[in-house]
Amino acid sequence: MSNSQVIEKLLAKAKRTDLPSFAPGDTVRVHVKIKEGDKERLQAFEGVVIGKSNGLQPSFTVRKISFGQGVERIFPTNSKVIDKIEVLRSAKVRRAKLYYLRALRGKAARLKEAE
């Protein structure tokens, strides 16, 4: 058995199946476990999914505007710090990566809702 096959088996054990399916353009709320000292709490990060990467270690990028400043956060899909993901709305997009949203401001950055 080669090294890559061993790595694939280990990552398959850690794969999460409890998360909903979502795509770029969807607005999601990711509940993240935050540990402060000996306390643990949940923090929500809500924004638009601007990209997903698949493979052995899948991840997705969520972008939001916080106090007029754009904030992006990359989440590993199989991470244990993600408590749950809620899909709030879906948008109709024609691209897999929505990096062009970084340059748009205000109403220009809106996405059309999917039917």
PDB file of N, CA and C in Angstrom:
ATOM      1  N   MET A   1       0.846  -1.179   0.000  1.00  0.00           N
ATOM      2  CA  MET A   1       0.000   0.000   0.000  1.00  0.00           C
ATOM      3  C   MET A   1       0.895   1.247   0.000  1.00  0.00           C
ATOM      4  N   SER A   2       0.630   2.160  -0.925  1.00  0.00           N
ATOM      5  CA  SER A   2       1.462   3.358  -1.038  1.00  0.00           C
ATOM      6  C   SER A   2       1.068   4.396   0.012  1.00  0.00           C
ATOM      7  N   ASN A   3       1.918   5.394   0.151  1.00  0.00           N
ATOM      8  CA  ASN A   3       1.663   6.444   1.138  1.00  0.00           C
ATOM      9  C   ASN A   3       0.370   7.194   0.855  1.00  0.00           C
ATOM     10  N   SER A   4       0.095   7.463  -0.414  1.00  0.00           N
ATOM     11  CA  SER A   4      -1.113   8.223  -0.745  1.00  0.00           C
ATOM     12  C   SER A   4      -2.376   7.428  -0.400  1.00  0.00           C
ATOM     13  N   GLN A   5      -2.332   6.121  -0.548  1.00  0.00           N
ATOM     14  CA  GLN A   5      -3.488   5.306  -0.191  1.00  0.00           C
ATOM     15  C   GLN A   5      -3.707   5.307   1.314  1.00  0.00           C
ATOM     16  N   VAL A   6      -2.627   5.299   2.075  1.00  0.00           N
ATOM     17  CA  VAL A   6      -2.739   5.347   3.540  1.00  0.00           C
ATOM     18  C   VAL A   6      -3.338   6.681   3.970  1.00  0.00           C
ATOM     19  N   ILE A   7      -2.872   7.755   3.358  1.00  0.00           N
ATOM     20  CA  ILE A   7      -3.389   9.092   3.687  1.00  0.00           C
ATOM     21  C   ILE A   7      -4.865   9.188   3.334  1.00  0.00           C
ATOM     22  N   GLU A   8      -5.259   8.645   2.186  1.00  0.00           N
ATOM     23  CA  GLU A   8      -6.667   8.667   1.774  1.00  0.00           C
ATOM     24  C   GLU A   8      -7.544   7.925   2.775  1.00  0.00           C
ATOM     25  N   LYS A   9      -7.082   6.794   3.278  1.00  0.00           N
ATOM     26  CA  LYS A   9      -7.857   6.031   4.259  1.00  0.00           C
ATOM     27  C   LYS A   9      -8.024   6.811   5.558  1.00  0.00           C
ATOM     28  N   LEU A  10      -6.949   7.459   6.012  1.00  0.00           N
ATOM     29  CA  LEU A  10      -7.022   8.246   7.239  1.00  0.00           C
ATOM     30  C   LEU A  10      -7.969   9.433   7.093  1.00  0.00           C
ATOM     31  N   LEU A  11      -7.911  10.109   5.957  1.00  0.00           N
ATOM     32  CA  LEU A  11      -8.786  11.250   5.737  1.00  0.00           C
ATOM     33  C   LEU A  11     -10.237  10.814   5.542  1.00  0.00           C
ATOM     34  N   ALA A  12     -10.459   9.616   5.018  1.00  0.00           N
ATOM     35  CA  ALA A  12     -11.821   9.126   4.840  1.00  0.00           C
ATOM     36  C   ALA A  12     -12.493   8.898   6.189  1.00  0.00           C
ATOM     37  N   LYS A  13     -11.718   8.525   7.208  1.00  0.00           N
ATOM     38  CA  LYS A  13     -12.284   8.330   8.547  1.00  0.00           C
ATOM     39  C   LYS A  13     -12.752   9.652   9.146  1.00  0.00           C
ATOM     40  N   ALA A  14     -12.039  10.749   8.842  1.00  0.00           N
ATOM     41  CA  ALA A  14     -12.359  12.057   9.411  1.00  0.00           C
ATOM     42  C   ALA A  14     -13.396  12.817   8.592  1.00  0.00           C
ATOM     43  N   LYS A  15     -13.854  12.259   7.484  1.00  0.00           N
ATOM     44  CA  LYS A  15     -14.797  12.955   6.608  1.00  0.00           C
ATOM     45  C   LYS A  15     -16.143  13.143   7.306  1.00  0.00           C
ATOM     46  N   ARG A  16     -16.678  14.360   7.189  1.00  0.00           N
ATOM     47  CA  ARG A  16     -17.962  14.675   7.828  1.00  0.00           C
ATOM     48  C   ARG A  16     -19.096  14.483   6.842  1.00  0.00           C
ATOM     49  N   THR A  17     -20.158  13.844   7.316  1.00  0.00           N
ATOM     50  CA  THR A  17     -21.325  13.612   6.468  1.00  0.00           C
ATOM     51  C   THR A  17     -22.550  14.368   6.972  1.00  0.00           C
ATOM     52  N   ASP A  18     -22.408  15.077   8.096  1.00  0.00           N
ATOM     53  CA  ASP A  18     -23.552  15.763   8.700  1.00  0.00           C
ATOM     54  C   ASP A  18     -23.763  17.175   8.170  1.00  0.00           C
ATOM     55  N   LEU A  19     -22.890  17.644   7.279  1.00  0.00           N
ATOM     56  CA  LEU A  19     -22.999  19.012   6.772  1.00  0.00           C
ATOM     57  C   LEU A  19     -23.880  19.044   5.521  1.00  0.00           C
ATOM     58  N   PRO A  20     -24.655  20.122   5.338  1.00  0.00           N
ATOM     59  CA  PRO A  20     -25.515  20.206   4.153  1.00  0.00           C
ATOM     60  C   PRO A  20     -24.692  20.493   2.900  1.00  0.00           C
ATOM     61  N   SER A  21     -25.287  20.247   1.762  1.00  0.00           N
ATOM     62  CA  SER A  21     -24.598  20.566   0.508  1.00  0.00           C
ATOM     63  C   SER A  21     -24.884  22.029   0.156  1.00  0.00           C
ATOM     64  N   PHE A  22     -23.874  22.711  -0.305  1.00  0.00           N
ATOM     65  CA  PHE A  22     -24.000  24.111  -0.707  1.00  0.00           C
ATOM     66  C   PHE A  22     -23.020  24.363  -1.828  1.00  0.00           C
ATOM     67  N   ALA A  23     -23.203  25.483  -2.518  1.00  0.00           N
ATOM     68  CA  ALA A  23     -22.400  25.793  -3.701  1.00  0.00           C
ATOM     69  C   ALA A  23     -21.962  27.256  -3.640  1.00  0.00           C
ATOM     70  N   PRO A  24     -21.006  27.640  -4.459  1.00  0.00           N
ATOM     71  CA  PRO A  24     -20.643  29.057  -4.523  1.00  0.00           C
ATOM     72  C   PRO A  24     -21.859  29.907  -4.874  1.00  0.00           C
ATOM     73  N   GLY A  25     -21.983  31.044  -4.218  1.00  0.00           N
ATOM     74  CA  GLY A  25     -23.138  31.914  -4.400  1.00  0.00           C
ATOM     75  C   GLY A  25     -24.156  31.768  -3.297  1.00  0.00           C
ATOM     76  N   ASP A  26     -24.107  30.687  -2.541  1.00  0.00           N
ATOM     77  CA  ASP A  26     -25.040  30.492  -1.430  1.00  0.00           C
ATOM     78  C   ASP A  26     -24.623  31.349  -0.239  1.00  0.00           C
ATOM     79  N   THR A  27     -25.619  31.881   0.458  1.00  0.00           N
ATOM     80  CA  THR A  27     -25.358  32.586   1.705  1.00  0.00           C
ATOM     81  C   THR A  27     -25.500  31.570   2.829  1.00  0.00           C
ATOM     82  N   VAL A  28     -24.438  31.428   3.619  1.00  0.00           N
ATOM     83  CA  VAL A  28     -24.425  30.420   4.680  1.00  0.00           C
ATOM     84  C   VAL A  28     -24.087  31.076   6.019  1.00  0.00           C
ATOM     85  N   ARG A  29     -24.500  30.408   7.080  1.00  0.00           N
ATOM     86  CA  ARG A  29     -24.106  30.792   8.434  1.00  0.00           C
ATOM     87  C   ARG A  29     -23.353  29.606   9.023  1.00  0.00           C
ATOM     88  N   VAL A  30     -22.073  29.820   9.286  1.00  0.00           N
ATOM     89  CA  VAL A  30     -21.207  28.764   9.817  1.00  0.00           C
ATOM     90  C   VAL A  30     -21.061  29.000  11.317  1.00  0.00           C
ATOM     91  N   HIS A  31     -21.454  28.028  12.118  1.00  0.00           N
ATOM     92  CA  HIS A  31     -21.313  28.109  13.578  1.00  0.00           C
ATOM     93  C   HIS A  31     -19.981  27.463  13.951  1.00  0.00           C
ATOM     94  N   VAL A  32     -19.084  28.285  14.507  1.00  0.00           N
ATOM     95  CA  VAL A  32     -17.726  27.854  14.804  1.00  0.00           C
ATOM     96  C   VAL A  32     -17.544  27.785  16.318  1.00  0.00           C
ATOM     97  N   LYS A  33     -16.892  26.718  16.780  1.00  0.00           N
ATOM     98  CA  LYS A  33     -16.592  26.586  18.207  1.00  0.00           C
ATOM     99  C   LYS A  33     -15.362  27.421  18.523  1.00  0.00           C
ATOM    100  N   ILE A  34     -15.495  28.341  19.484  1.00  0.00           N
ATOM    101  CA  ILE A  34     -14.400  29.207  19.916  1.00  0.00           C
ATOM    102  C   ILE A  34     -14.068  28.829  21.355  1.00  0.00           C
ATOM    103  N   LYS A  35     -12.785  28.586  21.599  1.00  0.00           N
ATOM    104  CA  LYS A  35     -12.356  28.230  22.951  1.00  0.00           C
ATOM    105  C   LYS A  35     -11.604  29.419  23.539  1.00  0.00           C
ATOM    106  N   GLU A  36     -12.121  29.941  24.659  1.00  0.00           N
ATOM    107  CA  GLU A  36     -11.501  31.061  25.358  1.00  0.00           C
ATOM    108  C   GLU A  36     -11.206  30.609  26.788  1.00  0.00           C
ATOM    109  N   GLY A  37      -9.949  30.382  27.061  1.00  0.00           N
ATOM    110  CA  GLY A  37      -9.581  29.874  28.383  1.00  0.00           C
ATOM    111  C   GLY A  37     -10.111  28.475  28.560  1.00  0.00           C
ATOM    112  N   ASP A  38     -10.943  28.281  29.591  1.00  0.00           N
ATOM    113  CA  ASP A  38     -11.538  26.963  29.819  1.00  0.00           C
ATOM    114  C   ASP A  38     -12.988  26.904  29.328  1.00  0.00           C
ATOM    115  N   LYS A  39     -13.483  28.022  28.774  1.00  0.00           N
ATOM    116  CA  LYS A  39     -14.860  28.068  28.270  1.00  0.00           C
ATOM    117  C   LYS A  39     -14.881  27.851  26.768  1.00  0.00           C
ATOM    118  N   GLU A  40     -15.985  27.286  26.299  1.00  0.00           N
ATOM    119  CA  GLU A  40     -16.178  27.089  24.872  1.00  0.00           C
ATOM    120  C   GLU A  40     -17.535  27.663  24.494  1.00  0.00           C
ATOM    121  N   ARG A  41     -17.570  28.419  23.376  1.00  0.00           N
ATOM    122  CA  ARG A  41     -18.818  29.008  22.921  1.00  0.00           C
ATOM    123  C   ARG A  41     -18.910  28.894  21.411  1.00  0.00           C
ATOM    124  N   LEU A  42     -20.107  29.187  20.872  1.00  0.00           N
ATOM    125  CA  LEU A  42     -20.317  29.159  19.435  1.00  0.00           C
ATOM    126  C   LEU A  42     -20.339  30.580  18.893  1.00  0.00           C
ATOM    127  N   GLN A  43     -19.705  30.783  17.741  1.00  0.00           N
ATOM    128  CA  GLN A  43     -19.714  32.073  17.071  1.00  0.00           C
ATOM    129  C   GLN A  43     -20.165  31.847  15.638  1.00  0.00           C
ATOM    130  N   ALA A  44     -21.109  32.661  15.179  1.00  0.00           N
ATOM    131  CA  ALA A  44     -21.630  32.513  13.825  1.00  0.00           C
ATOM    132  C   ALA A  44     -20.872  33.428  12.871  1.00  0.00           C
ATOM    133  N   PHE A  45     -20.543  32.905  11.699  1.00  0.00           N
ATOM    134  CA  PHE A  45     -19.897  33.673  10.632  1.00  0.00           C
ATOM    135  C   PHE A  45     -20.805  33.537   9.422  1.00  0.00           C
ATOM    136  N   GLU A  46     -21.470  34.627   9.046  1.00  0.00           N
ATOM    137  CA  GLU A  46     -22.446  34.587   7.966  1.00  0.00           C
ATOM    138  C   GLU A  46     -21.938  35.356   6.768  1.00  0.00           C
ATOM    139  N   GLY A  47     -22.022  34.748   5.593  1.00  0.00           N
ATOM    140  CA  GLY A  47     -21.577  35.418   4.379  1.00  0.00           C
ATOM    141  C   GLY A  47     -21.841  34.567   3.150  1.00  0.00           C
ATOM    142  N   VAL A  48     -21.289  35.014   2.032  1.00  0.00           N
ATOM    143  CA  VAL A  48     -21.483  34.359   0.747  1.00  0.00           C
ATOM    144  C   VAL A  48     -20.307  33.428   0.484  1.00  0.00           C
ATOM    145  N   VAL A  49     -20.601  32.214   0.048  1.00  0.00           N
ATOM    146  CA  VAL A  49     -19.548  31.268  -0.332  1.00  0.00           C
ATOM    147  C   VAL A  49     -19.000  31.733  -1.674  1.00  0.00           C
ATOM    148  N   ILE A  50     -17.706  32.093  -1.714  1.00  0.00           N
ATOM    149  CA  ILE A  50     -17.126  32.566  -2.975  1.00  0.00           C
ATOM    150  C   ILE A  50     -16.258  31.509  -3.645  1.00  0.00           C
ATOM    151  N   GLY A  51     -16.044  30.385  -2.983  1.00  0.00           N
ATOM    152  CA  GLY A  51     -15.265  29.329  -3.608  1.00  0.00           C
ATOM    153  C   GLY A  51     -15.254  28.069  -2.770  1.00  0.00           C
ATOM    154  N   LYS A  52     -15.155  26.950  -3.464  1.00  0.00           N
ATOM    155  CA  LYS A  52     -15.017  25.656  -2.803  1.00  0.00           C
ATOM    156  C   LYS A  52     -13.859  24.929  -3.462  1.00  0.00           C
ATOM    157  N   SER A  53     -13.100  24.205  -2.668  1.00  0.00           N
ATOM    158  CA  SER A  53     -12.068  23.332  -3.231  1.00  0.00           C
ATOM    159  C   SER A  53     -12.342  21.926  -2.747  1.00  0.00           C
ATOM    160  N   ASN A  54     -12.188  20.974  -3.628  1.00  0.00           N
ATOM    161  CA  ASN A  54     -12.420  19.577  -3.288  1.00  0.00           C
ATOM    162  C   ASN A  54     -11.097  18.833  -3.335  1.00  0.00           C
ATOM    163  N   GLY A  55     -11.146  17.556  -3.095  1.00  0.00           N
ATOM    164  CA  GLY A  55      -9.931  16.756  -3.078  1.00  0.00           C
ATOM    165  C   GLY A  55      -9.814  16.047  -1.746  1.00  0.00           C
ATOM    166  N   LEU A  56      -8.581  15.784  -1.328  1.00  0.00           N
ATOM    167  CA  LEU A  56      -8.375  15.062  -0.075  1.00  0.00           C
ATOM    168  C   LEU A  56      -8.741  15.910   1.136  1.00  0.00           C
ATOM    169  N   GLN A  57      -8.441  17.198   1.066  1.00  0.00           N
ATOM    170  CA  GLN A  57      -8.756  18.093   2.184  1.00  0.00           C
ATOM    171  C   GLN A  57      -9.604  19.249   1.672  1.00  0.00           C
ATOM    172  N   PRO A  58     -10.930  19.038   1.524  1.00  0.00           N
ATOM    173  CA  PRO A  58     -11.783  20.080   0.951  1.00  0.00           C
ATOM    174  C   PRO A  58     -11.935  21.269   1.895  1.00  0.00           C
ATOM    175  N   SER A  59     -12.148  22.447   1.298  1.00  0.00           N
ATOM    176  CA  SER A  59     -12.368  23.655   2.086  1.00  0.00           C
ATOM    177  C   SER A  59     -13.285  24.577   1.295  1.00  0.00           C
ATOM    178  N   PHE A  60     -13.778  25.606   1.966  1.00  0.00           N
ATOM    179  CA  PHE A  60     -14.609  26.602   1.305  1.00  0.00           C
ATOM    180  C   PHE A  60     -14.312  27.968   1.910  1.00  0.00           C
ATOM    181  N   THR A  61     -14.521  29.016   1.109  1.00  0.00           N
ATOM    182  CA  THR A  61     -14.243  30.382   1.524  1.00  0.00           C
ATOM    183  C   THR A  61     -15.547  31.145   1.630  1.00  0.00           C
ATOM    184  N   VAL A  62     -15.737  31.830   2.760  1.00  0.00           N
ATOM    185  CA  VAL A  62     -16.937  32.628   3.004  1.00  0.00           C
ATOM    186  C   VAL A  62     -16.515  34.090   3.129  1.00  0.00           C
ATOM    187  N   ARG A  63     -17.240  34.978   2.438  1.00  0.00           N
ATOM    188  CA  ARG A  63     -16.937  36.413   2.464  1.00  0.00           C
ATOM    189  C   ARG A  63     -18.129  37.174   3.023  1.00  0.00           C
ATOM    190  N   LYS A  64     -17.843  38.126   3.909  1.00  0.00           N
ATOM    191  CA  LYS A  64     -18.878  39.013   4.426  1.00  0.00           C
ATOM    192  C   LYS A  64     -18.302  40.413   4.550  1.00  0.00           C
ATOM    193  N   ILE A  65     -19.194  41.387   4.676  1.00  0.00           N
ATOM    194  CA  ILE A  65     -18.793  42.770   4.899  1.00  0.00           C
ATOM    195  C   ILE A  65     -19.081  43.086   6.354  1.00  0.00           C
ATOM    196  N   SER A  66     -18.041  43.427   7.106  1.00  0.00           N
ATOM    197  CA  SER A  66     -18.177  43.727   8.527  1.00  0.00           C
ATOM    198  C   SER A  66     -17.723  45.159   8.779  1.00  0.00           C
ATOM    199  N   PHE A  67     -18.663  46.012   9.161  1.00  0.00           N
ATOM    200  CA  PHE A  67     -18.389  47.429   9.424  1.00  0.00           C
ATOM    201  C   PHE A  67     -17.704  48.095   8.237  1.00  0.00           C
ATOM    202  N   GLY A  68     -18.191  47.780   7.023  1.00  0.00           N
ATOM    203  CA  GLY A  68     -17.660  48.387   5.817  1.00  0.00           C
ATOM    204  C   GLY A  68     -16.364  47.775   5.310  1.00  0.00           C
ATOM    205  N   GLN A  69     -15.860  46.774   5.972  1.00  0.00           N
ATOM    206  CA  GLN A  69     -14.598  46.126   5.595  1.00  0.00           C
ATOM    207  C   GLN A  69     -14.895  44.687   5.161  1.00  0.00           C
ATOM    208  N   GLY A  70     -14.349  44.266   4.032  1.00  0.00           N
ATOM    209  CA  GLY A  70     -14.551  42.904   3.567  1.00  0.00           C
ATOM    210  C   GLY A  70     -13.724  41.923   4.389  1.00  0.00           C
ATOM    211  N   VAL A  71     -14.367  40.849   4.816  1.00  0.00           N
ATOM    212  CA  VAL A  71     -13.701  39.826   5.625  1.00  0.00           C
ATOM    213  C   VAL A  71     -13.940  38.474   4.961  1.00  0.00           C
ATOM    214  N   GLU A  72     -12.869  37.730   4.738  1.00  0.00           N
ATOM    215  CA  GLU A  72     -12.981  36.384   4.184  1.00  0.00           C
ATOM    216  C   GLU A  72     -12.386  35.395   5.169  1.00  0.00           C
ATOM    217  N   ARG A  73     -13.023  34.239   5.231  1.00  0.00           N
ATOM    218  CA  ARG A  73     -12.519  33.200   6.117  1.00  0.00           C
ATOM    219  C   ARG A  73     -12.571  31.870   5.380  1.00  0.00           C
ATOM    220  N   ILE A  74     -11.500  31.134   5.464  1.00  0.00           N
ATOM    221  CA  ILE A  74     -11.411  29.834   4.806  1.00  0.00           C
ATOM    222  C   ILE A  74     -11.644  28.756   5.868  1.00  0.00           C
ATOM    223  N   PHE A  75     -12.611  27.891   5.603  1.00  0.00           N
ATOM    224  CA  PHE A  75     -12.947  26.816   6.531  1.00  0.00           C
ATOM    225  C   PHE A  75     -12.592  25.470   5.912  1.00  0.00           C
ATOM    226  N   PRO A  76     -11.805  24.629   6.579  1.00  0.00           N
ATOM    227  CA  PRO A  76     -11.669  23.243   6.121  1.00  0.00           C
ATOM    228  C   PRO A  76     -13.009  22.536   6.344  1.00  0.00           C
ATOM    229  N   THR A  77     -13.506  21.860   5.329  1.00  0.00           N
ATOM    230  CA  THR A  77     -14.841  21.257   5.411  1.00  0.00           C
ATOM    231  C   THR A  77     -14.930  20.210   6.518  1.00  0.00           C
ATOM    232  N   ASN A  78     -13.892  19.436   6.719  1.00  0.00           N
ATOM    233  CA  ASN A  78     -13.936  18.354   7.702  1.00  0.00           C
ATOM    234  C   ASN A  78     -13.438  18.780   9.078  1.00  0.00           C
ATOM    235  N   SER A  79     -13.352  20.078   9.322  1.00  0.00           N
ATOM    236  CA  SER A  79     -12.830  20.579  10.589  1.00  0.00           C
ATOM    237  C   SER A  79     -13.778  20.275  11.744  1.00  0.00           C
ATOM    238  N   LYS A  80     -13.196  20.003  12.890  1.00  0.00           N
ATOM    239  CA  LYS A  80     -13.998  19.734  14.077  1.00  0.00           C
ATOM    240  C   LYS A  80     -14.478  21.016  14.750  1.00  0.00           C
ATOM    241  N   VAL A  81     -13.918  22.171  14.376  1.00  0.00           N
ATOM    242  CA  VAL A  81     -14.367  23.430  14.978  1.00  0.00           C
ATOM    243  C   VAL A  81     -15.679  23.906  14.378  1.00  0.00           C
ATOM    244  N   ILE A  82     -16.091  23.357  13.240  1.00  0.00           N
ATOM    245  CA  ILE A  82     -17.388  23.709  12.655  1.00  0.00           C
ATOM    246  C   ILE A  82     -18.458  22.896  13.367  1.00  0.00           C
ATOM    247  N   ASP A  83     -19.367  23.606  14.041  1.00  0.00           N
ATOM    248  CA  ASP A  83     -20.457  22.926  14.732  1.00  0.00           C
ATOM    249  C   ASP A  83     -21.561  22.570  13.741  1.00  0.00           C
ATOM    250  N   LYS A  84     -22.016  23.571  12.974  1.00  0.00           N
ATOM    251  CA  LYS A  84     -23.030  23.313  11.954  1.00  0.00           C
ATOM    252  C   LYS A  84     -22.979  24.415  10.908  1.00  0.00           C
ATOM    253  N   ILE A  85     -23.573  24.134   9.760  1.00  0.00           N
ATOM    254  CA  ILE A  85     -23.666  25.086   8.670  1.00  0.00           C
ATOM    255  C   ILE A  85     -25.134  25.190   8.272  1.00  0.00           C
ATOM    256  N   GLU A  86     -25.631  26.425   8.208  1.00  0.00           N
ATOM    257  CA  GLU A  86     -26.999  26.669   7.759  1.00  0.00           C
ATOM    258  C   GLU A  86     -26.940  27.362   6.404  1.00  0.00           C
ATOM    259  N   VAL A  87     -27.685  26.845   5.433  1.00  0.00           N
ATOM    260  CA  VAL A  87     -27.795  27.504   4.134  1.00  0.00           C
ATOM    261  C   VAL A  87     -29.004  28.426   4.213  1.00  0.00           C
ATOM    262  N   LEU A  88     -28.764  29.738   4.136  1.00  0.00           N
ATOM    263  CA  LEU A  88     -29.827  30.718   4.292  1.00  0.00           C
ATOM    264  C   LEU A  88     -30.529  31.023   2.973  1.00  0.00           C
ATOM    265  N   ARG A  89     -29.763  31.177   1.899  1.00  0.00           N
ATOM    266  CA  ARG A  89     -30.351  31.395   0.581  1.00  0.00           C
ATOM    267  C   ARG A  89     -29.370  30.943  -0.491  1.00  0.00           C
ATOM    268  N   SER A  90     -29.931  30.635  -1.654  1.00  0.00           N
ATOM    269  CA  SER A  90     -29.111  30.202  -2.782  1.00  0.00           C
ATOM    270  C   SER A  90     -29.210  31.239  -3.888  1.00  0.00           C
ATOM    271  N   ALA A  91     -28.113  31.451  -4.588  1.00  0.00           N
ATOM    272  CA  ALA A  91     -28.086  32.406  -5.691  1.00  0.00           C
ATOM    273  C   ALA A  91     -27.700  31.695  -6.971  1.00  0.00           C
ATOM    274  N   LYS A  92     -28.147  32.280  -8.075  1.00  0.00           N
ATOM    275  CA  LYS A  92     -27.836  31.734  -9.398  1.00  0.00           C
ATOM    276  C   LYS A  92     -26.552  32.399  -9.887  1.00  0.00           C
ATOM    277  N   VAL A  93     -25.491  31.607 -10.000  1.00  0.00           N
ATOM    278  CA  VAL A  93     -24.211  32.134 -10.479  1.00  0.00           C
ATOM    279  C   VAL A  93     -23.709  31.243 -11.607  1.00  0.00           C
ATOM    280  N   ARG A  94     -22.826  31.805 -12.434  1.00  0.00           N
ATOM    281  CA  ARG A  94     -22.300  31.058 -13.573  1.00  0.00           C
ATOM    282  C   ARG A  94     -20.821  30.754 -13.432  1.00  0.00           C
ATOM    283  N   ARG A  95     -20.264  30.972 -12.265  1.00  0.00           N
ATOM    284  CA  ARG A  95     -18.840  30.765 -12.042  1.00  0.00           C
ATOM    285  C   ARG A  95     -18.650  29.845 -10.836  1.00  0.00           C
ATOM    286  N   ALA A  96     -17.537  29.145 -10.819  1.00  0.00           N
ATOM    287  CA  ALA A  96     -17.205  28.288  -9.685  1.00  0.00           C
ATOM    288  C   ALA A  96     -16.516  29.097  -8.587  1.00  0.00           C
ATOM    289  N   LYS A  97     -15.777  30.127  -8.987  1.00  0.00           N
ATOM    290  CA  LYS A  97     -15.088  30.995  -8.040  1.00  0.00           C
ATOM    291  C   LYS A  97     -15.615  32.410  -8.227  1.00  0.00           C
ATOM    292  N   LEU A  98     -16.111  33.011  -7.170  1.00  0.00           N
ATOM    293  CA  LEU A  98     -16.721  34.342  -7.250  1.00  0.00           C
ATOM    294  C   LEU A  98     -15.771  35.410  -6.740  1.00  0.00           C
ATOM    295  N   TYR A  99     -14.509  35.336  -7.146  1.00  0.00           N
ATOM    296  CA  TYR A  99     -13.510  36.285  -6.675  1.00  0.00           C
ATOM    297  C   TYR A  99     -13.783  37.702  -7.165  1.00  0.00           C
ATOM    298  N   TYR A 100     -14.577  37.840  -8.215  1.00  0.00           N
ATOM    299  CA  TYR A 100     -14.892  39.172  -8.722  1.00  0.00           C
ATOM    300  C   TYR A 100     -15.723  39.985  -7.724  1.00  0.00           C
ATOM    301  N   LEU A 101     -16.344  39.328  -6.766  1.00  0.00           N
ATOM    302  CA  LEU A 101     -17.124  40.049  -5.747  1.00  0.00           C
ATOM    303  C   LEU A 101     -16.231  40.904  -4.854  1.00  0.00           C
ATOM    304  N   ARG A 102     -14.939  40.590  -4.800  1.00  0.00           N
ATOM    305  CA  ARG A 102     -14.016  41.367  -3.977  1.00  0.00           C
ATOM    306  C   ARG A 102     -13.921  42.808  -4.452  1.00  0.00           C
ATOM    307  N   ALA A 103     -14.071  43.036  -5.747  1.00  0.00           N
ATOM    308  CA  ALA A 103     -13.928  44.387  -6.305  1.00  0.00           C
ATOM    309  C   ALA A 103     -15.242  45.162  -6.309  1.00  0.00           C
ATOM    310  N   LEU A 104     -16.359  44.491  -6.065  1.00  0.00           N
ATOM    311  CA  LEU A 104     -17.663  45.153  -6.129  1.00  0.00           C
ATOM    312  C   LEU A 104     -18.094  45.658  -4.761  1.00  0.00           C
ATOM    313  N   ARG A 105     -18.806  46.773  -4.755  1.00  0.00           N
ATOM    314  CA  ARG A 105     -19.271  47.385  -3.511  1.00  0.00           C
ATOM    315  C   ARG A 105     -20.783  47.581  -3.560  1.00  0.00           C
ATOM    316  N   GLY A 106     -21.423  47.519  -2.423  1.00  0.00           N
ATOM    317  CA  GLY A 106     -22.839  47.862  -2.299  1.00  0.00           C
ATOM    318  C   GLY A 106     -23.765  46.988  -3.116  1.00  0.00           C
ATOM    319  N   LYS A 107     -24.688  47.661  -3.824  1.00  0.00           N
ATOM    320  CA  LYS A 107     -25.698  46.924  -4.575  1.00  0.00           C
ATOM    321  C   LYS A 107     -25.116  46.162  -5.760  1.00  0.00           C
ATOM    322  N   ALA A 108     -23.960  46.564  -6.235  1.00  0.00           N
ATOM    323  CA  ALA A 108     -23.328  45.860  -7.362  1.00  0.00           C
ATOM    324  C   ALA A 108     -22.897  44.455  -6.971  1.00  0.00           C
ATOM    325  N   ALA A 109     -22.694  44.220  -5.685  1.00  0.00           N
ATOM    326  CA  ALA A 109     -22.229  42.918  -5.212  1.00  0.00           C
ATOM    327  C   ALA A 109     -23.374  41.957  -4.920  1.00  0.00           C
ATOM    328  N   ARG A 110     -24.618  42.366  -5.218  1.00  0.00           N
ATOM    329  CA  ARG A 110     -25.749  41.471  -4.979  1.00  0.00           C
ATOM    330  C   ARG A 110     -25.768  40.339  -5.998  1.00  0.00           C
ATOM    331  N   LEU A 111     -26.306  39.200  -5.588  1.00  0.00           N
ATOM    332  CA  LEU A 111     -26.438  38.043  -6.470  1.00  0.00           C
ATOM    333  C   LEU A 111     -27.912  37.749  -6.672  1.00  0.00           C
ATOM    334  N   LYS A 112     -28.270  37.269  -7.867  1.00  0.00           N
ATOM    335  CA  LYS A 112     -29.669  36.949  -8.152  1.00  0.00           C
ATOM    336  C   LYS A 112     -30.056  35.665  -7.441  1.00  0.00           C
ATOM    337  N   GLU A 113     -31.227  35.704  -6.834  1.00  0.00           N
ATOM    338  CA  GLU A 113     -31.724  34.539  -6.102  1.00  0.00           C
ATOM    339  C   GLU A 113     -32.118  33.428  -7.074  1.00  0.00           C
ATOM    340  N   ALA A 114     -31.796  32.192  -6.711  1.00  0.00           N
ATOM    341  CA  ALA A 114     -32.147  31.036  -7.544  1.00  0.00           C
ATOM    342  C   ALA A 114     -33.616  30.700  -7.351  1.00  0.00           C
ATOM    343  N   GLU A 115     -34.254  30.270  -8.433  1.00  0.00           N
ATOM    344  CA  GLU A 115     -35.669  29.886  -8.344  1.00  0.00           C
ATOM    345  C   GLU A 115     -35.810  28.512  -7.762  1.00  0.00           C
TER     346      GLU A 115
END
